[in-house]
Amino acid sequence: MDLSQYRVPTATVRCEPSGREVVIVHGAKLMDAILQTGLALGQSCDGVALCGFCRVQVLAGLDNLGPAGGEEKKVLASLHAGADERLACCATIQGPVTVTTTYW
């Protein structure tokens, strides 16, 4: 029996400098992946792109995240974020990614 049609695409999310990793399905939020590693991630807006506390720097795989939407772009602009930074509550995983924050 061929079960290949039932395979769900997954990707590895790695958090540095801890080296903790988790495998998560494509389309999941980056925040969910990070929290599954057991690392703390700042948040106060319940993941609706208001506070910016979940900002992460993407060390590798920036192109493996879904495009930033309007609200995320506004918050990142207000934070003067770099081109390699995303809000974990908004970014969707589409391939392997490595991230860090200033407080890990």
N, C-alpha and C. Protein backbone atom coordinates (compact mmCIF):
# COMPACT_ATOMS: atom_id res chain seq x y z
N MET A 1 0.84 -1.17 0.00
CA MET A 1 0.00 0.00 0.00
C MET A 1 0.89 1.24 0.00
N ASP A 2 0.61 2.17 -0.91
CA ASP A 2 1.38 3.41 -1.02
C ASP A 2 0.76 4.47 -0.10
N LEU A 3 1.50 4.85 0.92
CA LEU A 3 1.00 5.85 1.88
C LEU A 3 1.58 7.24 1.63
N SER A 4 2.28 7.41 0.51
CA SER A 4 2.93 8.70 0.25
C SER A 4 1.93 9.85 0.15
N GLN A 5 0.71 9.58 -0.25
CA GLN A 5 -0.28 10.65 -0.35
C GLN A 5 -0.69 11.19 1.02
N TYR A 6 -0.35 10.46 2.08
CA TYR A 6 -0.72 10.89 3.43
C TYR A 6 0.42 11.58 4.17
N ARG A 7 1.54 11.76 3.53
CA ARG A 7 2.68 12.42 4.16
C ARG A 7 2.40 13.90 4.31
N VAL A 8 2.72 14.42 5.46
CA VAL A 8 2.55 15.84 5.74
C VAL A 8 3.92 16.49 5.69
N PRO A 9 4.08 17.57 4.90
CA PRO A 9 5.39 18.22 4.83
C PRO A 9 5.76 18.83 6.19
N THR A 10 7.00 18.59 6.60
CA THR A 10 7.50 19.12 7.86
C THR A 10 8.82 19.85 7.63
N ALA A 11 9.20 20.62 8.63
CA ALA A 11 10.48 21.34 8.57
C ALA A 11 11.05 21.41 9.98
N THR A 12 12.36 21.54 10.05
CA THR A 12 13.04 21.69 11.33
C THR A 12 13.24 23.16 11.65
N VAL A 13 12.88 23.55 12.86
CA VAL A 13 13.14 24.89 13.36
C VAL A 13 14.21 24.75 14.44
N ARG A 14 15.30 25.50 14.29
CA ARG A 14 16.42 25.45 15.23
C ARG A 14 16.54 26.80 15.92
N CYS A 15 16.76 26.77 17.22
CA CYS A 15 16.92 27.99 18.01
C CYS A 15 18.36 28.07 18.51
N GLU A 16 19.01 29.16 18.22
CA GLU A 16 20.39 29.37 18.66
C GLU A 16 20.43 30.44 19.74
N PRO A 17 21.33 30.41 20.66
CA PRO A 17 22.50 29.55 20.72
C PRO A 17 22.28 28.21 21.41
N SER A 18 21.05 27.91 21.83
CA SER A 18 20.81 26.67 22.58
C SER A 18 20.96 25.43 21.73
N GLY A 19 20.71 25.55 20.43
CA GLY A 19 20.75 24.39 19.55
C GLY A 19 19.49 23.53 19.62
N ARG A 20 18.50 23.97 20.37
CA ARG A 20 17.25 23.20 20.47
C ARG A 20 16.53 23.22 19.12
N GLU A 21 15.97 22.07 18.78
CA GLU A 21 15.27 21.91 17.50
C GLU A 21 13.92 21.25 17.70
N VAL A 22 13.04 21.52 16.77
CA VAL A 22 11.75 20.86 16.75
C VAL A 22 11.36 20.67 15.28
N VAL A 23 10.69 19.57 15.00
CA VAL A 23 10.15 19.33 13.65
C VAL A 23 8.67 19.66 13.72
N ILE A 24 8.23 20.49 12.80
CA ILE A 24 6.85 20.98 12.82
C ILE A 24 6.29 20.99 11.40
N VAL A 25 4.98 20.91 11.28
CA VAL A 25 4.35 20.86 9.96
C VAL A 25 4.40 22.22 9.28
N HIS A 26 4.48 22.19 7.97
CA HIS A 26 4.44 23.42 7.18
C HIS A 26 3.12 24.14 7.47
N GLY A 27 3.19 25.46 7.53
CA GLY A 27 2.02 26.28 7.79
C GLY A 27 1.85 26.64 9.25
N ALA A 28 2.59 25.98 10.14
CA ALA A 28 2.51 26.31 11.56
C ALA A 28 3.19 27.66 11.81
N LYS A 29 2.78 28.32 12.86
CA LYS A 29 3.40 29.59 13.24
C LYS A 29 4.77 29.32 13.87
N LEU A 30 5.70 30.21 13.59
CA LEU A 30 7.03 30.10 14.16
C LEU A 30 6.98 30.12 15.68
N MET A 31 6.07 30.89 16.25
CA MET A 31 5.93 30.94 17.70
C MET A 31 5.63 29.56 18.28
N ASP A 32 4.73 28.82 17.65
CA ASP A 32 4.38 27.49 18.12
C ASP A 32 5.61 26.58 18.13
N ALA A 33 6.41 26.67 17.10
CA ALA A 33 7.61 25.84 17.01
C ALA A 33 8.58 26.20 18.13
N ILE A 34 8.81 27.49 18.33
CA ILE A 34 9.76 27.92 19.36
C ILE A 34 9.29 27.47 20.74
N LEU A 35 8.03 27.66 21.03
CA LEU A 35 7.51 27.25 22.34
C LEU A 35 7.62 25.74 22.55
N GLN A 36 7.52 24.97 21.45
CA GLN A 36 7.68 23.52 21.57
C GLN A 36 9.10 23.12 21.92
N THR A 37 10.07 23.99 21.67
CA THR A 37 11.45 23.67 22.06
C THR A 37 11.64 23.85 23.56
N GLY A 38 10.69 24.50 24.23
CA GLY A 38 10.82 24.74 25.67
C GLY A 38 11.45 26.07 26.01
N LEU A 39 11.78 26.86 24.99
CA LEU A 39 12.36 28.18 25.23
C LEU A 39 11.25 29.21 25.43
N ALA A 40 11.55 30.21 26.25
CA ALA A 40 10.60 31.30 26.48
C ALA A 40 10.63 32.25 25.29
N LEU A 41 9.47 32.82 24.98
CA LEU A 41 9.38 33.80 23.91
C LEU A 41 8.43 34.90 24.37
N GLY A 42 8.90 36.14 24.33
CA GLY A 42 8.09 37.27 24.79
C GLY A 42 6.83 37.41 23.98
N GLN A 43 5.74 37.75 24.68
CA GLN A 43 4.46 38.01 24.02
C GLN A 43 3.50 38.63 25.03
N SER A 44 2.75 39.60 24.58
CA SER A 44 1.73 40.17 25.46
C SER A 44 0.42 40.43 24.72
N CYS A 45 0.39 40.19 23.42
CA CYS A 45 -0.81 40.49 22.64
C CYS A 45 -1.55 39.24 22.18
N ASP A 46 -1.19 38.09 22.74
CA ASP A 46 -1.81 36.81 22.35
C ASP A 46 -1.64 36.49 20.88
N GLY A 47 -0.53 36.93 20.31
CA GLY A 47 -0.20 36.55 18.94
C GLY A 47 -0.98 37.23 17.85
N VAL A 48 -1.38 38.48 18.06
CA VAL A 48 -2.14 39.19 17.03
C VAL A 48 -1.35 40.36 16.43
N ALA A 49 -0.05 40.30 16.49
CA ALA A 49 0.83 41.29 15.83
C ALA A 49 0.64 42.71 16.34
N LEU A 50 0.61 42.87 17.65
CA LEU A 50 0.49 44.21 18.21
C LEU A 50 1.71 44.64 19.02
N CYS A 51 2.28 43.71 19.79
CA CYS A 51 3.30 44.12 20.75
C CYS A 51 4.73 44.07 20.21
N GLY A 52 5.03 43.12 19.36
CA GLY A 52 6.38 42.99 18.82
C GLY A 52 7.36 42.29 19.73
N PHE A 53 6.91 41.82 20.89
CA PHE A 53 7.81 41.15 21.83
C PHE A 53 8.34 39.82 21.30
N CYS A 54 7.65 39.23 20.34
CA CYS A 54 8.07 37.93 19.80
C CYS A 54 9.00 38.07 18.60
N ARG A 55 9.57 39.25 18.45
CA ARG A 55 10.49 39.48 17.32
C ARG A 55 11.71 38.58 17.45
N VAL A 56 12.03 37.90 16.35
CA VAL A 56 13.21 37.04 16.29
C VAL A 56 14.06 37.43 15.09
N GLN A 57 15.34 37.13 15.20
CA GLN A 57 16.25 37.31 14.07
C GLN A 57 16.37 35.96 13.38
N VAL A 58 16.20 35.94 12.08
CA VAL A 58 16.29 34.71 11.32
C VAL A 58 17.73 34.57 10.82
N LEU A 59 18.43 33.58 11.34
CA LEU A 59 19.83 33.36 11.00
C LEU A 59 19.97 32.58 9.70
N ALA A 60 19.01 31.71 9.42
CA ALA A 60 19.02 30.90 8.19
C ALA A 60 17.59 30.54 7.84
N GLY A 61 17.29 30.52 6.54
CA GLY A 61 15.98 30.09 6.08
C GLY A 61 14.93 31.18 6.02
N LEU A 62 15.33 32.43 5.92
CA LEU A 62 14.36 33.52 5.84
C LEU A 62 13.36 33.30 4.71
N ASP A 63 13.83 32.76 3.59
CA ASP A 63 12.95 32.49 2.45
C ASP A 63 12.00 31.32 2.71
N ASN A 64 12.22 30.59 3.81
CA ASN A 64 11.36 29.47 4.16
C ASN A 64 10.22 29.87 5.09
N LEU A 65 10.03 31.17 5.26
CA LEU A 65 8.89 31.68 6.02
C LEU A 65 7.93 32.34 5.05
N GLY A 66 6.64 32.21 5.34
CA GLY A 66 5.64 32.87 4.50
C GLY A 66 5.86 34.38 4.52
N PRO A 67 5.37 35.09 3.52
CA PRO A 67 5.57 36.54 3.45
C PRO A 67 4.90 37.27 4.61
N ALA A 68 5.51 38.36 5.02
CA ALA A 68 4.95 39.17 6.10
C ALA A 68 3.69 39.88 5.61
N GLY A 69 2.66 39.85 6.43
CA GLY A 69 1.42 40.55 6.11
C GLY A 69 1.49 42.00 6.55
N GLY A 70 0.43 42.73 6.27
CA GLY A 70 0.37 44.15 6.54
C GLY A 70 0.60 44.52 8.00
N GLU A 71 -0.07 43.83 8.92
CA GLU A 71 0.07 44.16 10.34
C GLU A 71 1.48 43.87 10.83
N GLU A 72 2.04 42.74 10.40
CA GLU A 72 3.41 42.41 10.81
C GLU A 72 4.38 43.46 10.28
N LYS A 73 4.21 43.86 9.05
CA LYS A 73 5.08 44.88 8.46
C LYS A 73 5.01 46.19 9.25
N LYS A 74 3.81 46.58 9.67
CA LYS A 74 3.65 47.81 10.45
C LYS A 74 4.40 47.73 11.77
N VAL A 75 4.24 46.61 12.47
CA VAL A 75 4.91 46.47 13.77
C VAL A 75 6.42 46.43 13.58
N LEU A 76 6.90 45.68 12.61
CA LEU A 76 8.34 45.61 12.37
C LEU A 76 8.90 46.98 12.01
N ALA A 77 8.18 47.75 11.21
CA ALA A 77 8.63 49.09 10.84
C ALA A 77 8.70 49.99 12.07
N SER A 78 7.71 49.89 12.95
CA SER A 78 7.69 50.73 14.15
C SER A 78 8.83 50.37 15.10
N LEU A 79 9.32 49.13 15.02
CA LEU A 79 10.43 48.67 15.85
C LEU A 79 11.78 48.90 15.18
N HIS A 80 11.77 49.45 13.96
CA HIS A 80 12.99 49.64 13.17
C HIS A 80 13.75 48.32 13.02
N ALA A 81 12.98 47.26 12.76
CA ALA A 81 13.53 45.91 12.64
C ALA A 81 14.35 45.77 11.37
N GLY A 82 15.33 44.88 11.44
CA GLY A 82 16.16 44.59 10.29
C GLY A 82 15.44 43.70 9.30
N ALA A 83 15.97 43.60 8.11
CA ALA A 83 15.35 42.79 7.05
C ALA A 83 15.33 41.31 7.41
N ASP A 84 16.17 40.90 8.37
CA ASP A 84 16.24 39.50 8.77
C ASP A 84 15.42 39.22 10.03
N GLU A 85 14.52 40.13 10.41
CA GLU A 85 13.73 39.95 11.61
C GLU A 85 12.25 39.74 11.25
N ARG A 86 11.61 38.88 12.04
CA ARG A 86 10.19 38.58 11.85
C ARG A 86 9.51 38.47 13.19
N LEU A 87 8.18 38.59 13.19
CA LEU A 87 7.39 38.33 14.39
C LEU A 87 7.01 36.86 14.37
N ALA A 88 7.38 36.15 15.42
CA ALA A 88 7.14 34.72 15.48
C ALA A 88 5.65 34.38 15.49
N CYS A 89 4.81 35.32 15.97
CA CYS A 89 3.37 35.05 16.02
C CYS A 89 2.74 35.12 14.63
N CYS A 90 3.44 35.70 13.68
CA CYS A 90 2.89 35.88 12.33
C CYS A 90 3.55 34.99 11.29
N ALA A 91 4.83 34.73 11.43
CA ALA A 91 5.59 34.01 10.41
C ALA A 91 5.17 32.55 10.35
N THR A 92 4.82 32.08 9.16
CA THR A 92 4.45 30.68 8.97
C THR A 92 5.62 29.93 8.36
N ILE A 93 5.79 28.71 8.81
CA ILE A 93 6.93 27.88 8.42
C ILE A 93 6.62 27.14 7.13
N GLN A 94 7.57 27.24 6.19
CA GLN A 94 7.43 26.53 4.91
C GLN A 94 8.70 25.75 4.56
N GLY A 95 9.64 25.72 5.49
CA GLY A 95 10.90 25.01 5.29
C GLY A 95 11.78 25.23 6.50
N PRO A 96 12.99 24.65 6.50
CA PRO A 96 13.87 24.75 7.66
C PRO A 96 14.27 26.19 7.97
N VAL A 97 14.30 26.51 9.27
CA VAL A 97 14.59 27.87 9.72
C VAL A 97 15.45 27.79 10.98
N THR A 98 16.38 28.73 11.12
CA THR A 98 17.17 28.89 12.34
C THR A 98 16.98 30.32 12.82
N VAL A 99 16.62 30.47 14.11
CA VAL A 99 16.33 31.79 14.67
C VAL A 99 17.07 32.01 15.98
N THR A 100 17.12 33.29 16.40
CA THR A 100 17.64 33.66 17.70
C THR A 100 16.92 34.92 18.16
N THR A 101 17.10 35.26 19.43
CA THR A 101 16.61 36.52 19.98
C THR A 101 17.71 37.11 20.83
N THR A 102 17.52 38.33 21.28
CA THR A 102 18.55 38.97 22.09
C THR A 102 18.57 38.44 23.51
N TYR A 103 17.55 37.71 23.95
CA TYR A 103 17.47 37.28 25.34
C TYR A 103 17.63 35.78 25.57
N TRP A 104 18.00 35.01 24.57
CA TRP A 104 18.27 33.59 24.81
C TRP A 104 19.72 33.42 25.19
